[in-house]
Protein backbone atom coordinates (compact mmCIF):
# COMPACT_ATOMS: atom_id res chain seq x y z
CA UNK A 1 -62.77 -18.00 51.71
CA UNK A 2 -64.29 -19.45 54.64
CA UNK A 3 -63.42 -22.94 53.49
CA UNK A 4 -59.81 -21.91 52.99
CA UNK A 5 -59.97 -20.75 56.81
CA UNK A 6 -61.43 -24.12 57.74
CA UNK A 7 -58.83 -26.08 55.87
CA UNK A 8 -55.89 -23.78 57.31
CA UNK A 9 -57.29 -24.31 60.97
CA UNK A 10 -57.47 -28.08 60.45
CA UNK A 11 -53.82 -28.21 59.29
CA UNK A 12 -52.77 -26.11 62.16
CA UNK A 13 -54.65 -28.36 64.66
CA UNK A 14 -52.83 -31.45 63.30
CA UNK A 15 -49.49 -29.56 63.81
CA UNK A 16 -50.25 -28.76 66.94
CA UNK A 17 -51.80 -31.96 68.56
CA UNK A 18 -48.92 -34.29 69.13
CA UNK A 19 -49.18 -37.74 67.24
CA UNK A 20 -50.02 -40.78 69.29
CA UNK A 21 -47.52 -43.57 68.54
CA UNK A 22 -49.00 -46.96 68.21
CA UNK A 23 -46.65 -49.67 69.40
CA UNK A 24 -46.02 -52.58 67.18
CA UNK A 25 -44.88 -55.73 68.43
CA UNK A 26 -43.16 -58.69 66.26
CA UNK A 27 -42.14 -62.15 67.11
CA UNK A 28 -39.11 -64.23 65.83
CA UNK A 29 -38.89 -67.76 66.51
CA UNK A 30 -35.78 -69.84 66.37
CA UNK A 31 -34.79 -73.28 67.82
CA UNK A 32 -33.81 -71.91 71.33
CA UNK A 33 -36.83 -69.70 71.79
CA UNK A 34 -38.73 -66.47 70.52
CA UNK A 35 -37.23 -62.96 70.15
CA UNK A 36 -39.78 -60.30 71.01
CA UNK A 37 -39.50 -56.83 69.14
CA UNK A 38 -40.95 -53.70 69.94
CA UNK A 39 -40.93 -51.14 67.04
CA UNK A 40 -38.31 -53.27 65.29
CA UNK A 41 -36.00 -53.16 68.34
CA UNK A 42 -35.31 -56.23 70.51
CA UNK A 43 -37.36 -56.13 74.04
CA UNK A 44 -36.48 -59.54 75.33
CA UNK A 45 -35.95 -63.27 74.17
CA UNK A 46 -38.10 -66.04 75.69
CA UNK A 47 -35.42 -68.71 75.88
CA UNK A 48 -36.85 -72.38 76.38
CA UNK A 49 -33.94 -73.40 78.43
CA UNK A 50 -31.34 -71.39 80.19
CA UNK A 51 -29.48 -73.49 83.07
CA UNK A 52 -32.46 -75.56 84.03
CA UNK A 53 -35.16 -73.37 83.00
CA UNK A 54 -36.99 -71.26 80.65
CA UNK A 55 -36.15 -67.39 81.00
CA UNK A 56 -36.66 -63.82 79.67
CA UNK A 57 -33.27 -62.54 78.80
CA UNK A 58 -32.11 -59.91 77.96
CA UNK A 59 -34.77 -57.66 79.06
CA UNK A 60 -34.40 -54.15 77.63
CA UNK A 61 -35.35 -51.03 79.70
CA UNK A 62 -37.03 -47.76 78.56
CA UNK A 63 -33.69 -46.08 77.99
CA UNK A 64 -32.53 -48.95 75.28
CA UNK A 65 -30.11 -50.51 77.90
CA UNK A 66 -30.39 -53.91 79.51
CA UNK A 67 -32.48 -53.68 82.93
CA UNK A 68 -31.78 -57.15 84.33
CA UNK A 69 -28.29 -58.84 85.08
CA UNK A 70 -26.21 -60.58 82.27
CA UNK A 71 -24.58 -63.18 84.39
CA UNK A 72 -24.44 -66.35 84.00
CA UNK A 73 -25.49 -65.83 80.35
CA UNK A 74 -22.70 -63.54 80.00
CA UNK A 75 -19.48 -63.12 81.94
CA UNK A 76 -19.59 -61.29 85.29
CA UNK A 77 -18.41 -57.61 85.20
CA UNK A 78 -17.19 -55.07 87.85
CA UNK A 79 -20.87 -54.35 88.71
CA UNK A 80 -22.23 -57.84 88.26
CA UNK A 81 -20.82 -60.26 90.51
CA UNK A 82 -20.61 -63.72 90.00
CA UNK A 83 -22.94 -65.06 92.52
CA UNK A 84 -26.25 -66.98 92.53
CA UNK A 85 -26.01 -68.60 89.08
CA UNK A 86 -29.67 -69.52 89.22
CA UNK A 87 -30.65 -65.81 89.14
CA UNK A 88 -31.34 -65.73 85.51
CA UNK A 89 -32.90 -62.40 84.38
CA UNK A 90 -36.62 -63.08 84.67
CA UNK A 91 -37.97 -66.59 85.69
CA UNK A 92 -40.44 -68.90 87.59
CA UNK A 93 -39.48 -72.02 89.66
CA UNK A 94 -39.59 -72.75 93.33
CA UNK A 95 -37.13 -74.29 95.69
CA UNK A 96 -39.20 -77.18 97.30
CA UNK A 97 -41.48 -78.88 95.05
CA UNK A 98 -42.10 -82.54 96.66
CA UNK A 99 -38.91 -81.86 98.28
CA UNK A 100 -37.07 -80.86 95.25
CA UNK A 101 -35.31 -77.75 94.63
CA UNK A 102 -36.03 -76.23 91.15
CA UNK A 103 -34.76 -72.99 92.21
CA UNK A 104 -31.26 -73.83 92.54
CA UNK A 105 -29.16 -75.13 89.70
CA UNK A 106 -26.42 -76.94 91.51
CA UNK A 107 -22.87 -77.80 89.81
CA UNK A 108 -22.70 -75.67 86.92
CA UNK A 109 -20.39 -78.03 85.15
CA UNK A 110 -22.97 -80.61 85.11
CA UNK A 111 -25.71 -80.90 82.36
CA UNK A 112 -28.95 -79.49 82.88
CA UNK A 113 -30.56 -83.08 82.34
CA UNK A 114 -29.02 -84.46 85.33
CA UNK A 115 -30.67 -82.19 87.62
CA UNK A 116 -34.07 -81.13 88.51
CA UNK A 117 -35.45 -78.96 85.54
CA UNK A 118 -38.21 -77.56 84.06
CA UNK A 119 -38.69 -78.65 80.39
CA UNK A 120 -40.33 -76.74 77.63
CA UNK A 121 -42.87 -79.18 75.74
CA UNK A 122 -44.38 -76.85 73.22
CA UNK A 123 -45.48 -73.29 72.25
CA UNK A 124 -49.24 -73.33 72.50
CA UNK A 125 -49.61 -69.83 71.13
CA UNK A 126 -47.18 -66.99 69.50
CA UNK A 127 -49.12 -64.15 68.08
CA UNK A 128 -47.99 -60.42 67.72
CA UNK A 129 -49.34 -56.89 66.76
CA UNK A 130 -50.36 -54.25 69.02
CA UNK A 131 -49.51 -56.85 71.76
CA UNK A 132 -47.92 -59.69 71.78
CA UNK A 133 -48.68 -63.15 73.55
CA UNK A 134 -46.39 -66.27 74.00
CA UNK A 135 -48.17 -69.30 75.77
CA UNK A 136 -46.15 -72.43 76.68
CA UNK A 137 -46.56 -75.71 78.44
CA UNK A 138 -43.58 -77.12 80.52
CA UNK A 139 -42.96 -80.15 82.70
CA UNK A 140 -41.10 -80.13 85.80
CA UNK A 141 -38.90 -83.06 86.05
CA UNK A 142 -36.81 -84.43 89.09
CA UNK A 143 -33.15 -85.23 88.31
CA UNK A 144 -34.13 -89.08 87.39
CA UNK A 145 -36.63 -87.62 85.12
CA UNK A 146 -39.83 -88.28 86.91
CA UNK A 147 -42.52 -85.69 86.36
CA UNK A 148 -43.71 -83.62 89.57
CA UNK A 149 -46.32 -81.39 87.80
CA UNK A 150 -46.53 -79.08 84.79
CA UNK A 151 -47.31 -75.49 84.08
CA UNK A 152 -48.87 -73.46 81.36
CA UNK A 153 -47.53 -69.87 81.01
CA UNK A 154 -49.26 -67.14 79.22
CA UNK A 155 -46.96 -64.25 78.60
CA UNK A 156 -48.38 -60.75 77.40
CA UNK A 157 -46.50 -57.62 76.02
CA UNK A 158 -48.19 -54.30 76.09
CA UNK A 159 -47.37 -50.72 76.32
CA UNK A 160 -49.01 -48.03 78.50
CA UNK A 161 -48.12 -44.44 78.52
CA UNK A 162 -44.77 -44.56 77.36
CA UNK A 163 -44.06 -47.82 79.81
CA UNK A 164 -43.63 -51.48 78.52
CA UNK A 165 -45.45 -54.24 80.74
CA UNK A 166 -45.37 -57.89 80.62
CA UNK A 167 -47.95 -59.90 82.25
CA UNK A 168 -47.34 -63.56 83.55
CA UNK A 169 -50.17 -65.81 83.91
CA UNK A 170 -49.08 -69.16 85.47
CA UNK A 171 -51.23 -72.15 86.01
CA UNK A 172 -49.41 -74.95 87.95
CA UNK A 173 -51.25 -78.11 87.70
CA UNK A 174 -50.74 -81.42 89.53
CA UNK A 175 -51.21 -84.48 86.65
CA UNK A 176 -51.09 -88.19 88.14
CA UNK A 177 -49.86 -87.54 91.74
CA UNK A 178 -50.09 -84.80 94.35
CA UNK A 179 -47.66 -82.07 94.25
CA UNK A 180 -46.49 -79.96 97.43
CA UNK A 181 -44.97 -76.54 96.96
CA UNK A 182 -43.35 -76.36 100.38
CA UNK A 183 -42.46 -73.40 102.62
CA UNK A 184 -39.18 -71.95 101.85
CA UNK A 185 -37.98 -68.32 100.94
CA UNK A 186 -36.29 -69.69 97.83
CA UNK A 187 -38.98 -68.77 95.29
CA UNK A 188 -40.95 -68.27 93.03
CA UNK A 189 -41.37 -65.58 90.33
CA UNK A 190 -37.89 -63.91 90.10
CA UNK A 191 -36.11 -61.15 88.62
CA UNK A 192 -32.32 -60.07 89.09
CA UNK A 193 -31.79 -56.39 88.28
CA UNK A 194 -28.89 -54.88 86.61
CA UNK A 195 -26.04 -54.46 89.01
CA UNK A 196 -25.96 -50.80 89.35
CA UNK A 197 -29.50 -50.66 90.27
CA UNK A 198 -29.24 -52.52 93.48
CA UNK A 199 -28.91 -50.59 96.70
CA UNK A 200 -25.89 -52.49 97.73
CA UNK A 201 -24.01 -50.54 94.63
CA UNK A 202 -24.26 -47.31 96.57
CA UNK A 203 -25.40 -45.51 93.44
CA UNK A 204 -28.87 -44.44 94.40
CA UNK A 205 -30.68 -47.70 93.82
CA UNK A 206 -33.80 -48.27 95.79
CA UNK A 207 -36.61 -50.84 96.80
CA UNK A 208 -40.14 -49.62 97.61
CA UNK A 209 -43.39 -51.29 98.24
CA UNK A 210 -46.96 -50.56 98.01
CA UNK A 211 -47.02 -50.39 101.92
CA UNK A 212 -44.03 -47.99 102.19
CA UNK A 213 -41.44 -50.36 103.20
CA UNK A 214 -37.86 -49.71 101.62
CA UNK A 215 -34.84 -51.40 101.01
CA UNK A 216 -34.23 -54.22 103.73
CA UNK A 217 -37.43 -53.33 105.33
CA UNK A 218 -39.24 -54.67 102.06
CA UNK A 219 -37.92 -58.11 102.86
CA UNK A 220 -40.45 -60.81 103.81
CA UNK A 221 -43.50 -58.39 103.91
CA UNK A 222 -46.53 -58.71 102.07
CA UNK A 223 -47.46 -56.06 99.51
CA UNK A 224 -49.61 -55.74 96.29
CA UNK A 225 -46.50 -54.44 94.39
CA UNK A 226 -42.83 -53.60 94.82
CA UNK A 227 -40.68 -51.34 92.70
CA UNK A 228 -36.96 -51.74 92.38
CA UNK A 229 -35.22 -48.79 90.60
CA UNK A 230 -31.67 -47.47 90.20
CA UNK A 231 -29.29 -46.03 87.60
CA UNK A 232 -28.29 -47.91 84.32
CA UNK A 233 -25.91 -46.04 82.47
CA UNK A 234 -26.25 -42.82 84.39
CA UNK A 235 -30.17 -42.84 83.84
CA UNK A 236 -32.57 -43.79 86.65
CA UNK A 237 -34.90 -46.79 85.48
CA UNK A 238 -37.06 -49.17 87.50
CA UNK A 239 -38.96 -52.55 87.25
CA UNK A 240 -42.10 -52.94 89.42
CA UNK A 241 -43.74 -56.42 89.98
CA UNK A 242 -47.60 -56.25 90.50
CA UNK A 243 -49.42 -59.25 92.04
CA UNK A 244 -53.12 -59.56 90.66
CA UNK A 245 -55.80 -59.63 93.43
CA UNK A 246 -56.86 -63.23 91.97
CA UNK A 247 -53.45 -64.68 91.98
CA UNK A 248 -52.89 -67.51 94.75
CA UNK A 249 -52.70 -66.02 98.18
CA UNK A 250 -52.68 -62.16 97.04
CA UNK A 251 -51.14 -60.23 98.49
CA UNK A 252 -48.05 -62.28 97.89
CA UNK A 253 -44.97 -62.16 100.22
CA UNK A 254 -41.57 -60.88 98.61
CA UNK A 255 -38.08 -62.38 98.77
CA UNK A 256 -36.45 -59.07 97.72
CA UNK A 257 -32.83 -58.38 98.47
CA UNK A 258 -30.67 -55.23 98.25
CA UNK A 259 -28.08 -57.21 96.21
CA UNK A 260 -30.46 -57.27 93.05
CA UNK A 261 -32.87 -60.34 93.76
CA UNK A 262 -36.32 -59.33 93.39
CA UNK A 263 -39.15 -62.35 93.84
CA UNK A 264 -42.75 -62.84 94.46
CA UNK A 265 -43.24 -65.75 96.83
CA UNK A 266 -46.51 -66.80 98.54
CA UNK A 267 -45.00 -69.97 100.12
CA UNK A 268 -42.24 -68.92 102.36
CA UNK A 269 -44.11 -67.92 105.39
CA UNK A 270 -42.21 -69.62 108.02
CA UNK A 271 -39.13 -67.66 106.75
CA UNK A 272 -40.69 -64.33 106.17
CA UNK A 273 -42.82 -64.29 109.78
CA UNK A 274 -39.79 -65.97 111.47
CA UNK A 275 -41.71 -68.69 113.23
CA UNK A 276 -41.98 -72.31 112.75
CA UNK A 277 -45.63 -72.14 114.01
CA UNK A 278 -46.64 -71.16 110.46
CA UNK A 279 -46.71 -73.28 107.30
CA UNK A 280 -46.98 -71.70 103.88
CA UNK A 281 -46.82 -75.29 101.98
CA UNK A 282 -49.70 -75.76 99.63
CA UNK A 283 -50.66 -79.32 98.10
CA UNK A 284 -52.40 -79.87 94.59
CA UNK A 285 -54.16 -83.10 94.44
CA UNK A 286 -54.10 -84.91 90.62
CA UNK A 287 -56.17 -82.60 88.27
CA UNK A 288 -56.03 -79.33 90.89
CA UNK A 289 -54.31 -76.16 89.76
CA UNK A 290 -53.15 -72.95 90.95
CA UNK A 291 -52.75 -69.49 89.44
CA UNK A 292 -49.79 -67.07 89.90
CA UNK A 293 -50.65 -63.51 88.33
CA UNK A 294 -47.87 -60.90 88.01
CA UNK A 295 -47.27 -58.00 85.87
CA UNK A 296 -43.65 -56.67 85.24
CA UNK A 297 -43.75 -52.99 84.69
CA UNK A 298 -40.43 -51.24 82.92
CA UNK A 299 -40.33 -47.44 83.56
CA UNK A 300 -38.33 -44.41 83.74
CA UNK A 301 -37.30 -42.76 87.10
CA UNK A 302 -38.32 -43.97 90.31
CA UNK A 303 -41.92 -45.25 91.43
CA UNK A 304 -43.29 -41.93 91.50
CA UNK A 305 -42.01 -40.70 88.00
CA UNK A 306 -43.14 -44.09 86.77
CA UNK A 307 -46.43 -43.49 88.31
CA UNK A 308 -46.42 -47.26 89.70
CA UNK A 309 -49.28 -46.83 92.16
CA UNK A 310 -51.38 -45.58 89.29
CA UNK A 311 -50.37 -48.43 86.97
CA UNK A 312 -50.89 -50.82 89.60
CA UNK A 313 -54.63 -49.80 89.82
CA UNK A 314 -55.24 -50.27 86.32
CA UNK A 315 -53.71 -53.64 86.41
CA UNK A 316 -55.71 -54.54 89.22
CA UNK A 317 -58.92 -53.66 87.57
CA UNK A 318 -58.03 -56.00 84.58
CA UNK A 319 -60.16 -59.24 84.56
CA UNK A 320 -58.40 -62.37 84.96
């Protein structure tokens, strides 16, 4: 009798305690990049070339809809204008590298190999399971093909409390000559959110940073994180970008605009401070490197519902 009661209690306990789902990532390789799947559904694709650089696109949010802009990979729509074709979903570039802009793409009718470009060289790693890791090496080439520097990107995908996070650990290295990352607002780790999320759309979109600055007030400010949230198909979703304390020049400054651009940039100080007396440039001598560390958090609701501040504290504590 006692054994029967214990078995019954055990079964009842199993029914009452919610099952914790363990997320499973998978990677599917193709000639143009790698598709990242979460529990069998596409989360994003790492494209080795879109325009003049590697990008993540599309990026699917927590409600199953794209959370970054489709243009210029897709035609513009009523909510996504055909502006800034160099704003490609999620990317890493800079607008002044030895005086060369890798941020802009220039004439869209010209082939990429006639412009400054970041060229994928190889996948160093591509593993998946409870998390996923993609590691790549890339060369930064001037329009004439001369190499300015190189980078190694470790992109890690994981989940936490129902949210998806993506870590970008980028090491930029000078090879056979000095490389100068110049002082310009046009950089560096960027996201262009879905058109309905931007405050300028008038649908409830909002920008807020770790210091409490909002919307236009967040532009040019230093902060540990910035959250950009708004409606997609009637449901509020958000993208937060965190800057790790071990990242170059933490806390970074933010080139974040109410029309949808969202970029962490530690170099554009004279623009952000509004003074030519400061210079945010940084020079790497041959063999030297710098690391820029960010996490992208995809969440439901605003920054409070998404527990962005709490999630940043967990990221802050991770070793790098």
